[in-house]
């Protein structure tokens, strides 16, 4: 970015958007954190109209794939920033990425937080927020995480919870309330 400054070629919103997207998709160590920093400090500060749901979702997905210990919390924090600071409405992809971030941790606390977020998505959808319609991926991410816990002997009724999620998914489908895909 210093090259742009010395040449009097200030980066525009598109430049920052491409950098954020490239970093987020690189999956390198610290890439999600760098993408978040540029998203918040450079793109949002100087070109807020270029901050889109798709751009934020790309960074949320980077957090869901990150092996950083605080990745789920950072994803949840970014989801909150998205709606409070940028006035963007998170969509199903936004929530799915955060659910995935929690469920990738493969520990009981994180998986139940992922299920809690899925329940939040379902509640939003049932209250009329059609942009957050839970799809089969949201359910499958959480059910799969519970199955992995059960296989590792960390059950705490993991199989039962996965079964309840499947039953809830079937009920929503029977009521004609299934999401896309």
N, C-alpha and C. Protein backbone atom coordinates (compact mmCIF):
# COMPACT_ATOMS: atom_id res chain seq x y z
N UNK A 1 0.82 -1.19 0.00
CA UNK A 1 0.00 0.00 0.00
C UNK A 1 0.87 1.26 0.00
N UNK A 2 2.09 1.17 0.52
CA UNK A 2 2.98 2.33 0.51
C UNK A 2 3.34 2.73 -0.91
N UNK A 3 3.45 1.77 -1.81
CA UNK A 3 3.75 2.07 -3.20
C UNK A 3 2.68 2.98 -3.79
N UNK A 4 1.41 2.67 -3.50
CA UNK A 4 0.32 3.52 -3.97
C UNK A 4 0.49 4.94 -3.46
N UNK A 5 0.85 5.08 -2.19
CA UNK A 5 0.95 6.40 -1.58
C UNK A 5 2.09 7.21 -2.18
N UNK A 6 3.23 6.59 -2.43
CA UNK A 6 4.37 7.33 -2.99
C UNK A 6 4.12 7.70 -4.44
N UNK A 7 3.29 6.99 -5.12
CA UNK A 7 3.01 7.27 -6.53
C UNK A 7 1.77 8.14 -6.69
N UNK A 8 1.20 8.60 -5.59
CA UNK A 8 -0.04 9.37 -5.63
C UNK A 8 -1.16 8.61 -6.32
N UNK A 9 -1.18 7.32 -6.09
CA UNK A 9 -2.24 6.47 -6.59
C UNK A 9 -2.94 5.85 -5.38
N UNK A 10 -3.79 6.60 -4.72
CA UNK A 10 -4.41 6.02 -3.53
C UNK A 10 -5.32 4.85 -3.92
N UNK A 11 -5.27 3.79 -3.12
CA UNK A 11 -6.14 2.65 -3.42
C UNK A 11 -7.60 3.06 -3.29
N UNK A 12 -8.42 2.49 -4.13
CA UNK A 12 -9.85 2.76 -4.05
C UNK A 12 -10.55 1.58 -3.39
N UNK A 13 -11.85 1.68 -3.28
CA UNK A 13 -12.62 0.62 -2.64
C UNK A 13 -12.44 -0.73 -3.29
N UNK A 14 -12.35 -0.74 -4.60
CA UNK A 14 -12.16 -2.00 -5.33
C UNK A 14 -10.81 -2.62 -4.98
N UNK A 15 -9.78 -1.80 -4.86
CA UNK A 15 -8.45 -2.31 -4.50
C UNK A 15 -8.49 -2.98 -3.14
N UNK A 16 -9.09 -2.31 -2.16
CA UNK A 16 -9.19 -2.88 -0.82
C UNK A 16 -10.04 -4.16 -0.82
N UNK A 17 -11.14 -4.14 -1.57
CA UNK A 17 -12.02 -5.30 -1.63
C UNK A 17 -11.26 -6.51 -2.19
N UNK A 18 -10.50 -6.29 -3.24
CA UNK A 18 -9.72 -7.40 -3.82
C UNK A 18 -8.67 -7.91 -2.83
N UNK A 19 -8.03 -7.00 -2.11
CA UNK A 19 -7.03 -7.40 -1.13
C UNK A 19 -7.67 -8.21 0.00
N UNK A 20 -8.79 -7.73 0.52
CA UNK A 20 -9.50 -8.45 1.58
C UNK A 20 -9.88 -9.85 1.10
N UNK A 21 -10.44 -9.94 -0.09
CA UNK A 21 -10.88 -11.22 -0.64
C UNK A 21 -9.69 -12.17 -0.85
N UNK A 22 -8.61 -11.65 -1.40
CA UNK A 22 -7.43 -12.47 -1.65
C UNK A 22 -6.85 -13.00 -0.34
N UNK A 23 -6.72 -12.13 0.65
CA UNK A 23 -6.21 -12.56 1.95
C UNK A 23 -7.12 -13.62 2.57
N UNK A 24 -8.42 -13.35 2.56
CA UNK A 24 -9.37 -14.26 3.19
C UNK A 24 -9.35 -15.64 2.53
N UNK A 25 -9.17 -15.67 1.25
CA UNK A 25 -9.17 -16.95 0.54
C UNK A 25 -7.83 -17.66 0.58
N UNK A 26 -6.78 -16.98 1.01
CA UNK A 26 -5.45 -17.58 1.01
C UNK A 26 -5.28 -18.65 2.08
N UNK A 27 -6.02 -18.55 3.14
CA UNK A 27 -5.99 -19.49 4.27
C UNK A 27 -4.62 -19.62 4.91
N UNK A 28 -3.76 -18.65 4.68
CA UNK A 28 -2.45 -18.68 5.33
C UNK A 28 -2.58 -18.32 6.80
N UNK A 29 -1.53 -18.58 7.56
CA UNK A 29 -1.53 -18.28 8.99
C UNK A 29 -1.75 -16.78 9.18
N UNK A 30 -2.75 -16.43 9.93
CA UNK A 30 -3.05 -15.03 10.22
C UNK A 30 -3.81 -14.32 9.11
N UNK A 31 -4.16 -15.02 8.05
CA UNK A 31 -4.84 -14.38 6.91
C UNK A 31 -6.20 -13.81 7.29
N UNK A 32 -6.96 -14.54 8.09
CA UNK A 32 -8.29 -14.06 8.48
C UNK A 32 -8.17 -12.79 9.31
N UNK A 33 -7.19 -12.74 10.20
CA UNK A 33 -6.98 -11.55 11.03
C UNK A 33 -6.57 -10.36 10.17
N UNK A 34 -5.65 -10.58 9.22
CA UNK A 34 -5.23 -9.48 8.34
C UNK A 34 -6.40 -9.00 7.47
N UNK A 35 -7.18 -9.95 6.95
CA UNK A 35 -8.33 -9.56 6.12
C UNK A 35 -9.33 -8.76 6.95
N UNK A 36 -9.56 -9.17 8.19
CA UNK A 36 -10.48 -8.44 9.07
C UNK A 36 -9.97 -7.04 9.34
N UNK A 37 -8.68 -6.92 9.61
CA UNK A 37 -8.09 -5.61 9.89
C UNK A 37 -8.24 -4.68 8.69
N UNK A 38 -7.92 -5.15 7.52
CA UNK A 38 -8.05 -4.30 6.33
C UNK A 38 -9.51 -3.97 6.07
N UNK A 39 -10.39 -4.96 6.26
CA UNK A 39 -11.82 -4.72 6.07
C UNK A 39 -12.30 -3.59 6.96
N UNK A 40 -11.94 -3.64 8.24
CA UNK A 40 -12.43 -2.66 9.21
C UNK A 40 -11.68 -1.33 9.15
N UNK A 41 -10.37 -1.41 9.05
CA UNK A 41 -9.57 -0.19 9.18
C UNK A 41 -9.36 0.56 7.88
N UNK A 42 -9.28 -0.13 6.77
CA UNK A 42 -9.01 0.56 5.51
C UNK A 42 -10.25 0.67 4.64
N UNK A 43 -10.85 -0.45 4.33
CA UNK A 43 -12.00 -0.44 3.43
C UNK A 43 -13.18 0.29 4.05
N UNK A 44 -13.56 -0.07 5.25
CA UNK A 44 -14.74 0.55 5.88
C UNK A 44 -14.50 2.02 6.15
N UNK A 45 -13.31 2.36 6.62
CA UNK A 45 -13.02 3.75 6.97
C UNK A 45 -13.00 4.66 5.75
N UNK A 46 -12.40 4.21 4.66
CA UNK A 46 -12.25 5.10 3.51
C UNK A 46 -13.25 4.87 2.38
N UNK A 47 -13.84 3.67 2.33
CA UNK A 47 -14.78 3.36 1.24
C UNK A 47 -15.93 2.50 1.78
N UNK A 48 -16.72 3.03 2.71
CA UNK A 48 -17.77 2.20 3.34
C UNK A 48 -18.78 1.62 2.36
N UNK A 49 -19.02 2.28 1.24
CA UNK A 49 -20.00 1.75 0.29
C UNK A 49 -19.51 0.48 -0.39
N UNK A 50 -18.19 0.21 -0.32
CA UNK A 50 -17.65 -1.01 -0.92
C UNK A 50 -17.72 -2.21 0.03
N UNK A 51 -18.13 -1.99 1.27
CA UNK A 51 -18.28 -3.09 2.20
C UNK A 51 -19.64 -3.74 1.93
N UNK A 52 -19.60 -4.95 1.43
CA UNK A 52 -20.83 -5.66 1.07
C UNK A 52 -20.97 -6.91 1.93
N UNK A 53 -22.16 -7.47 1.91
CA UNK A 53 -22.40 -8.72 2.62
C UNK A 53 -21.46 -9.80 2.08
N UNK A 54 -21.27 -9.85 0.77
CA UNK A 54 -20.40 -10.86 0.16
C UNK A 54 -18.96 -10.72 0.64
N UNK A 55 -18.47 -9.49 0.75
CA UNK A 55 -17.10 -9.28 1.22
C UNK A 55 -16.95 -9.73 2.66
N UNK A 56 -17.88 -9.34 3.51
CA UNK A 56 -17.82 -9.75 4.92
C UNK A 56 -17.95 -11.27 5.02
N UNK A 57 -18.83 -11.86 4.21
CA UNK A 57 -18.99 -13.32 4.24
C UNK A 57 -17.70 -14.04 3.87
N UNK A 58 -16.93 -13.48 2.95
CA UNK A 58 -15.65 -14.08 2.58
C UNK A 58 -14.72 -14.12 3.79
N UNK A 59 -14.71 -13.04 4.56
CA UNK A 59 -13.86 -12.99 5.75
C UNK A 59 -14.41 -13.92 6.83
N UNK A 60 -15.73 -13.99 6.99
CA UNK A 60 -16.33 -14.92 7.95
C UNK A 60 -15.95 -16.36 7.62
N UNK A 61 -15.97 -16.68 6.34
CA UNK A 61 -15.59 -18.03 5.91
C UNK A 61 -14.12 -18.29 6.21
N UNK A 62 -13.28 -17.27 6.04
CA UNK A 62 -11.86 -17.43 6.39
C UNK A 62 -11.71 -17.76 7.88
N UNK A 63 -12.50 -17.11 8.72
CA UNK A 63 -12.45 -17.43 10.15
C UNK A 63 -12.94 -18.85 10.40
N UNK A 64 -13.94 -19.30 9.66
CA UNK A 64 -14.46 -20.66 9.88
C UNK A 64 -13.43 -21.72 9.49
N UNK A 65 -12.52 -21.39 8.60
CA UNK A 65 -11.48 -22.33 8.16
C UNK A 65 -10.16 -22.13 8.91
N UNK A 66 -10.09 -21.11 9.73
CA UNK A 66 -8.86 -20.79 10.45
C UNK A 66 -8.64 -21.74 11.62
N UNK A 67 -7.37 -22.02 11.89
CA UNK A 67 -7.07 -22.84 13.06
C UNK A 67 -6.67 -22.00 14.27
N UNK A 68 -6.86 -20.70 14.17
CA UNK A 68 -6.60 -19.82 15.31
C UNK A 68 -7.54 -20.21 16.45
N UNK A 69 -7.04 -20.28 17.68
CA UNK A 69 -7.89 -20.72 18.80
C UNK A 69 -9.14 -19.85 19.02
N UNK A 70 -9.04 -18.56 18.73
CA UNK A 70 -10.16 -17.67 18.96
C UNK A 70 -10.99 -17.42 17.69
N UNK A 71 -10.80 -18.22 16.67
CA UNK A 71 -11.49 -18.01 15.38
C UNK A 71 -13.00 -17.94 15.51
N UNK A 72 -13.65 -18.85 16.25
CA UNK A 72 -15.12 -18.74 16.35
C UNK A 72 -15.58 -17.43 16.99
N UNK A 73 -14.88 -17.01 18.04
CA UNK A 73 -15.26 -15.76 18.69
C UNK A 73 -15.01 -14.56 17.78
N UNK A 74 -13.93 -14.62 17.02
CA UNK A 74 -13.63 -13.52 16.08
C UNK A 74 -14.68 -13.48 14.97
N UNK A 75 -15.13 -14.65 14.52
CA UNK A 75 -16.19 -14.70 13.50
C UNK A 75 -17.49 -14.13 14.06
N UNK A 76 -17.84 -14.52 15.28
CA UNK A 76 -19.07 -14.00 15.90
C UNK A 76 -18.98 -12.49 16.10
N UNK A 77 -17.80 -12.01 16.49
CA UNK A 77 -17.60 -10.58 16.67
C UNK A 77 -17.77 -9.84 15.33
N UNK A 78 -17.22 -10.40 14.27
CA UNK A 78 -17.35 -9.79 12.94
C UNK A 78 -18.81 -9.78 12.48
N UNK A 79 -19.54 -10.85 12.80
CA UNK A 79 -20.97 -10.90 12.47
C UNK A 79 -21.71 -9.76 13.18
N UNK A 80 -21.40 -9.53 14.44
CA UNK A 80 -22.01 -8.42 15.18
C UNK A 80 -21.62 -7.06 14.60
N UNK A 81 -20.35 -6.91 14.24
CA UNK A 81 -19.87 -5.66 13.64
C UNK A 81 -20.61 -5.39 12.34
N UNK A 82 -20.84 -6.45 11.60
CA UNK A 82 -21.51 -6.34 10.30
C UNK A 82 -22.86 -5.64 10.44
N UNK A 83 -23.64 -6.05 11.41
CA UNK A 83 -24.98 -5.46 11.54
C UNK A 83 -24.97 -4.17 12.33
N UNK A 84 -24.06 -4.01 13.29
CA UNK A 84 -24.10 -2.80 14.11
C UNK A 84 -23.32 -1.63 13.52
N UNK A 85 -22.15 -1.89 12.96
CA UNK A 85 -21.31 -0.81 12.46
C UNK A 85 -21.53 -0.49 10.99
N UNK A 86 -21.81 -1.48 10.21
CA UNK A 86 -21.89 -1.29 8.77
C UNK A 86 -23.34 -1.22 8.28
N UNK A 87 -24.27 -1.58 9.15
CA UNK A 87 -25.69 -1.63 8.78
C UNK A 87 -25.97 -2.59 7.64
N UNK A 88 -25.23 -3.68 7.59
CA UNK A 88 -25.51 -4.73 6.62
C UNK A 88 -26.30 -5.82 7.33
N UNK A 89 -27.22 -6.42 6.63
CA UNK A 89 -28.02 -7.49 7.21
C UNK A 89 -27.36 -8.83 6.89
N UNK A 90 -26.91 -9.54 7.93
CA UNK A 90 -26.31 -10.84 7.67
C UNK A 90 -27.31 -11.76 6.98
N UNK A 91 -26.81 -12.59 6.08
CA UNK A 91 -27.68 -13.55 5.40
C UNK A 91 -27.36 -14.96 5.88
N UNK A 92 -27.95 -15.95 5.25
CA UNK A 92 -27.75 -17.34 5.65
C UNK A 92 -26.28 -17.74 5.55
N UNK A 93 -25.59 -17.24 4.55
CA UNK A 93 -24.16 -17.55 4.39
C UNK A 93 -23.37 -17.00 5.57
N UNK A 94 -23.72 -15.80 6.02
CA UNK A 94 -23.03 -15.19 7.17
C UNK A 94 -23.14 -16.08 8.40
N UNK A 95 -24.38 -16.47 8.71
CA UNK A 95 -24.60 -17.30 9.89
C UNK A 95 -23.98 -18.69 9.73
N UNK A 96 -24.08 -19.26 8.54
CA UNK A 96 -23.51 -20.59 8.31
C UNK A 96 -22.01 -20.58 8.55
N UNK A 97 -21.32 -19.53 8.11
CA UNK A 97 -19.87 -19.44 8.32
C UNK A 97 -19.54 -19.41 9.81
N UNK A 98 -20.32 -18.67 10.59
CA UNK A 98 -20.05 -18.58 12.03
C UNK A 98 -20.40 -19.90 12.72
N UNK A 99 -21.50 -20.51 12.33
CA UNK A 99 -21.85 -21.83 12.86
C UNK A 99 -20.72 -22.81 12.58
N UNK A 100 -20.21 -22.79 11.37
CA UNK A 100 -19.11 -23.68 10.98
C UNK A 100 -17.86 -23.39 11.81
N UNK A 101 -17.58 -22.12 12.06
CA UNK A 101 -16.41 -21.76 12.86
C UNK A 101 -16.48 -22.41 14.24
N UNK A 102 -17.65 -22.37 14.86
CA UNK A 102 -17.81 -22.99 16.17
C UNK A 102 -17.71 -24.51 16.08
N UNK A 103 -18.36 -25.08 15.10
CA UNK A 103 -18.41 -26.55 15.00
C UNK A 103 -17.08 -27.15 14.56
N UNK A 104 -16.23 -26.40 13.93
CA UNK A 104 -14.91 -26.89 13.54
C UNK A 104 -14.00 -27.13 14.74
N UNK A 105 -14.32 -26.54 15.88
CA UNK A 105 -13.48 -26.68 17.08
C UNK A 105 -13.54 -28.09 17.65
N UNK A 106 -14.62 -28.78 17.41
CA UNK A 106 -14.79 -30.18 17.84
C UNK A 106 -14.70 -30.37 19.35
N UNK A 107 -15.17 -29.38 20.11
CA UNK A 107 -15.32 -29.55 21.55
C UNK A 107 -16.77 -29.23 21.91
N UNK A 108 -17.22 -29.81 23.00
CA UNK A 108 -18.63 -29.72 23.38
C UNK A 108 -19.14 -28.29 23.46
N UNK A 109 -18.40 -27.44 24.13
CA UNK A 109 -18.82 -26.04 24.32
C UNK A 109 -19.01 -25.33 22.98
N UNK A 110 -18.04 -25.50 22.10
CA UNK A 110 -18.11 -24.81 20.80
C UNK A 110 -19.25 -25.34 19.94
N UNK A 111 -19.42 -26.66 19.93
CA UNK A 111 -20.49 -27.24 19.12
C UNK A 111 -21.86 -26.79 19.64
N UNK A 112 -22.03 -26.73 20.95
CA UNK A 112 -23.32 -26.27 21.48
C UNK A 112 -23.53 -24.78 21.18
N UNK A 113 -22.45 -24.01 21.11
CA UNK A 113 -22.59 -22.60 20.69
C UNK A 113 -23.01 -22.52 19.22
N UNK A 114 -22.46 -23.42 18.41
CA UNK A 114 -22.88 -23.49 17.01
C UNK A 114 -24.35 -23.85 16.90
N UNK A 115 -24.79 -24.81 17.73
CA UNK A 115 -26.21 -25.16 17.73
C UNK A 115 -27.06 -23.99 18.20
N UNK A 116 -26.57 -23.26 19.19
CA UNK A 116 -27.30 -22.07 19.65
C UNK A 116 -27.47 -21.04 18.55
N UNK A 117 -26.43 -20.87 17.75
CA UNK A 117 -26.53 -19.93 16.63
C UNK A 117 -27.51 -20.46 15.58
N UNK A 118 -27.51 -21.76 15.34
CA UNK A 118 -28.48 -22.36 14.42
C UNK A 118 -29.89 -22.09 14.93
N UNK A 119 -30.11 -22.25 16.22
CA UNK A 119 -31.43 -21.96 16.80
C UNK A 119 -31.82 -20.50 16.61
N UNK A 120 -30.83 -19.61 16.72
CA UNK A 120 -31.08 -18.19 16.48
C UNK A 120 -31.50 -17.95 15.02
N UNK A 121 -30.82 -18.61 14.10
CA UNK A 121 -31.16 -18.49 12.67
C UNK A 121 -32.58 -18.99 12.43
N UNK A 122 -32.93 -20.12 13.02
CA UNK A 122 -34.27 -20.68 12.86
C UNK A 122 -35.31 -19.70 13.40
N UNK A 123 -35.05 -19.14 14.57
CA UNK A 123 -35.98 -18.17 15.17
C UNK A 123 -36.15 -16.94 14.27
N UNK A 124 -35.04 -16.43 13.76
CA UNK A 124 -35.12 -15.28 12.85
C UNK A 124 -35.95 -15.62 11.62
N UNK A 125 -35.70 -16.78 11.07
CA UNK A 125 -36.43 -17.21 9.87
C UNK A 125 -37.92 -17.36 10.16
N UNK A 126 -38.25 -18.00 11.27
CA UNK A 126 -39.66 -18.22 11.61
C UNK A 126 -40.37 -16.91 11.95
N UNK A 127 -39.60 -15.88 12.32
CA UNK A 127 -40.21 -14.58 12.60
C UNK A 127 -40.31 -13.71 11.35
N UNK A 128 -39.93 -14.27 10.19
CA UNK A 128 -40.12 -13.54 8.94
C UNK A 128 -38.87 -13.07 8.24
N UNK A 129 -37.70 -13.34 8.79
CA UNK A 129 -36.45 -12.93 8.14
C UNK A 129 -36.08 -13.96 7.07
N UNK A 130 -36.60 -13.79 5.88
CA UNK A 130 -36.40 -14.79 4.83
C UNK A 130 -34.95 -14.87 4.33
N UNK A 131 -34.14 -13.82 4.54
CA UNK A 131 -32.75 -13.83 4.10
C UNK A 131 -31.88 -14.79 4.91
N UNK A 132 -32.38 -15.22 6.06
CA UNK A 132 -31.58 -16.11 6.90
C UNK A 132 -32.20 -17.51 6.97
N UNK A 133 -32.90 -17.89 5.93
CA UNK A 133 -33.51 -19.23 5.91
C UNK A 133 -32.44 -20.29 6.11
N UNK A 134 -32.59 -21.08 7.17
CA UNK A 134 -31.59 -22.14 7.38
C UNK A 134 -31.70 -23.20 6.29
N UNK A 135 -30.58 -23.61 5.77
CA UNK A 135 -30.60 -24.66 4.75
C UNK A 135 -30.02 -25.94 5.33
N UNK A 136 -29.95 -26.95 4.51
CA UNK A 136 -29.47 -28.25 5.00
C UNK A 136 -28.03 -28.17 5.48
N UNK A 137 -27.24 -27.24 4.94
CA UNK A 137 -25.85 -27.12 5.35
C UNK A 137 -25.73 -26.68 6.81
N UNK A 138 -26.57 -25.73 7.22
CA UNK A 138 -26.56 -25.27 8.62
C UNK A 138 -26.79 -26.45 9.56
N UNK A 139 -27.81 -27.23 9.26
CA UNK A 139 -28.14 -28.38 10.11
C UNK A 139 -27.04 -29.44 10.05
N UNK A 140 -26.57 -29.73 8.84
CA UNK A 140 -25.58 -30.78 8.65
C UNK A 140 -24.27 -30.45 9.36
N UNK A 141 -23.86 -29.21 9.34
CA UNK A 141 -22.63 -28.80 10.03
C UNK A 141 -22.72 -29.16 11.51
N UNK A 142 -23.83 -28.81 12.14
CA UNK A 142 -23.98 -29.06 13.58
C UNK A 142 -24.15 -30.56 13.84
N UNK A 143 -24.99 -31.23 13.06
CA UNK A 143 -25.18 -32.67 13.27
C UNK A 143 -23.87 -33.43 13.09
N UNK A 144 -23.10 -33.07 12.09
CA UNK A 144 -21.82 -33.72 11.84
C UNK A 144 -20.86 -33.50 13.01
N UNK A 145 -20.86 -32.30 13.54
CA UNK A 145 -19.98 -32.01 14.69
C UNK A 145 -20.37 -32.86 15.90
N UNK A 146 -21.67 -33.01 16.13
CA UNK A 146 -22.12 -33.88 17.23
C UNK A 146 -21.71 -35.33 16.98
N UNK A 147 -21.83 -35.78 15.76
CA UNK A 147 -21.42 -37.16 15.43
C UNK A 147 -19.94 -37.37 15.70
N UNK A 148 -19.11 -36.39 15.35
CA UNK A 148 -17.67 -36.49 15.60
C UNK A 148 -17.39 -36.53 17.10
N UNK A 149 -18.13 -35.76 17.87
CA UNK A 149 -17.97 -35.80 19.33
C UNK A 149 -18.33 -37.18 19.87
N UNK A 150 -19.41 -37.74 19.36
CA UNK A 150 -19.86 -39.07 19.83
C UNK A 150 -18.81 -40.13 19.50
N UNK A 151 -18.21 -40.05 18.31
CA UNK A 151 -17.18 -41.02 17.91
C UNK A 151 -15.94 -40.94 18.78
N UNK A 152 -15.66 -39.76 19.29
CA UNK A 152 -14.48 -39.57 20.13
C UNK A 152 -14.76 -39.86 21.60
N UNK A 153 -15.96 -40.33 21.89
CA UNK A 153 -16.30 -40.65 23.25
C UNK A 153 -16.64 -39.44 24.10
N UNK A 154 -16.84 -38.31 23.48
CA UNK A 154 -17.21 -37.07 24.20
C UNK A 154 -18.70 -36.82 24.02
N UNK A 155 -19.45 -37.83 24.22
CA UNK A 155 -20.83 -37.84 23.78
C UNK A 155 -21.75 -36.84 24.47
N UNK A 156 -21.94 -36.96 25.78
CA UNK A 156 -22.92 -36.10 26.47
C UNK A 156 -24.21 -36.03 25.68
N UNK A 157 -24.68 -37.13 25.20
CA UNK A 157 -25.91 -37.20 24.42
C UNK A 157 -25.77 -36.55 23.04
N UNK A 158 -24.58 -36.55 22.47
CA UNK A 158 -24.35 -35.95 21.16
C UNK A 158 -25.23 -36.58 20.10
N UNK A 159 -25.35 -37.91 20.11
CA UNK A 159 -26.17 -38.58 19.10
C UNK A 159 -27.64 -38.18 19.26
N UNK A 160 -28.08 -38.06 20.49
CA UNK A 160 -29.46 -37.65 20.74
C UNK A 160 -29.71 -36.23 20.25
N UNK A 161 -28.76 -35.35 20.47
CA UNK A 161 -28.90 -33.96 20.02
C UNK A 161 -28.91 -33.89 18.49
N UNK A 162 -28.06 -34.68 17.85
CA UNK A 162 -28.04 -34.71 16.39
C UNK A 162 -29.38 -35.23 15.87
N UNK A 163 -29.94 -36.24 16.53
CA UNK A 163 -31.24 -36.77 16.14
C UNK A 163 -32.35 -35.75 16.29
N UNK A 164 -32.29 -34.96 17.36
CA UNK A 164 -33.31 -33.90 17.55
C UNK A 164 -33.20 -32.84 16.45
N UNK A 165 -31.99 -32.53 16.06
CA UNK A 165 -31.82 -31.56 14.97
C UNK A 165 -32.39 -32.09 13.66
N UNK A 166 -32.16 -33.37 13.40
CA UNK A 166 -32.71 -33.98 12.19
C UNK A 166 -34.24 -33.94 12.24
N UNK A 167 -34.81 -34.25 13.38
CA UNK A 167 -36.28 -34.22 13.53
C UNK A 167 -36.80 -32.80 13.32
N UNK A 168 -36.08 -31.81 13.84
CA UNK A 168 -36.51 -30.42 13.65
C UNK A 168 -36.42 -30.02 12.18
N UNK A 169 -35.39 -30.47 11.52
CA UNK A 169 -35.23 -30.20 10.09
C UNK A 169 -36.39 -30.81 9.31
N UNK A 170 -36.77 -32.04 9.67
CA UNK A 170 -37.89 -32.71 9.00
C UNK A 170 -39.20 -31.98 9.25
N UNK A 171 -39.41 -31.50 10.49
CA UNK A 171 -40.64 -30.76 10.80
C UNK A 171 -40.73 -29.48 9.98
N UNK A 172 -39.63 -28.75 9.91
CA UNK A 172 -39.62 -27.52 9.11
C UNK A 172 -39.93 -27.82 7.65
N UNK A 173 -39.39 -28.91 7.15
CA UNK A 173 -39.63 -29.30 5.77
C UNK A 173 -41.11 -29.65 5.56
N UNK A 174 -41.66 -30.43 6.49
CA UNK A 174 -43.07 -30.83 6.38
C UNK A 174 -44.01 -29.64 6.45
N UNK A 175 -43.60 -28.60 7.19
CA UNK A 175 -44.41 -27.39 7.30
C UNK A 175 -44.20 -26.47 6.10
N UNK A 176 -43.35 -26.87 5.18
CA UNK A 176 -43.08 -26.05 4.00
C UNK A 176 -42.17 -24.88 4.33
N UNK A 177 -41.41 -24.98 5.40
CA UNK A 177 -40.54 -23.88 5.84
C UNK A 177 -39.08 -24.18 5.62
N UNK A 178 -38.78 -25.12 4.75
CA UNK A 178 -37.38 -25.42 4.51
C UNK A 178 -36.72 -24.28 3.75
N UNK A 179 -35.47 -24.08 4.03
CA UNK A 179 -34.72 -23.01 3.36
C UNK A 179 -34.26 -23.45 1.99
N UNK A 180 -33.48 -22.62 1.35
CA UNK A 180 -32.97 -22.98 0.03
C UNK A 180 -31.98 -24.13 0.14
N UNK A 181 -31.91 -24.94 -0.88
CA UNK A 181 -30.93 -26.03 -0.96
C UNK A 181 -31.18 -27.05 0.06
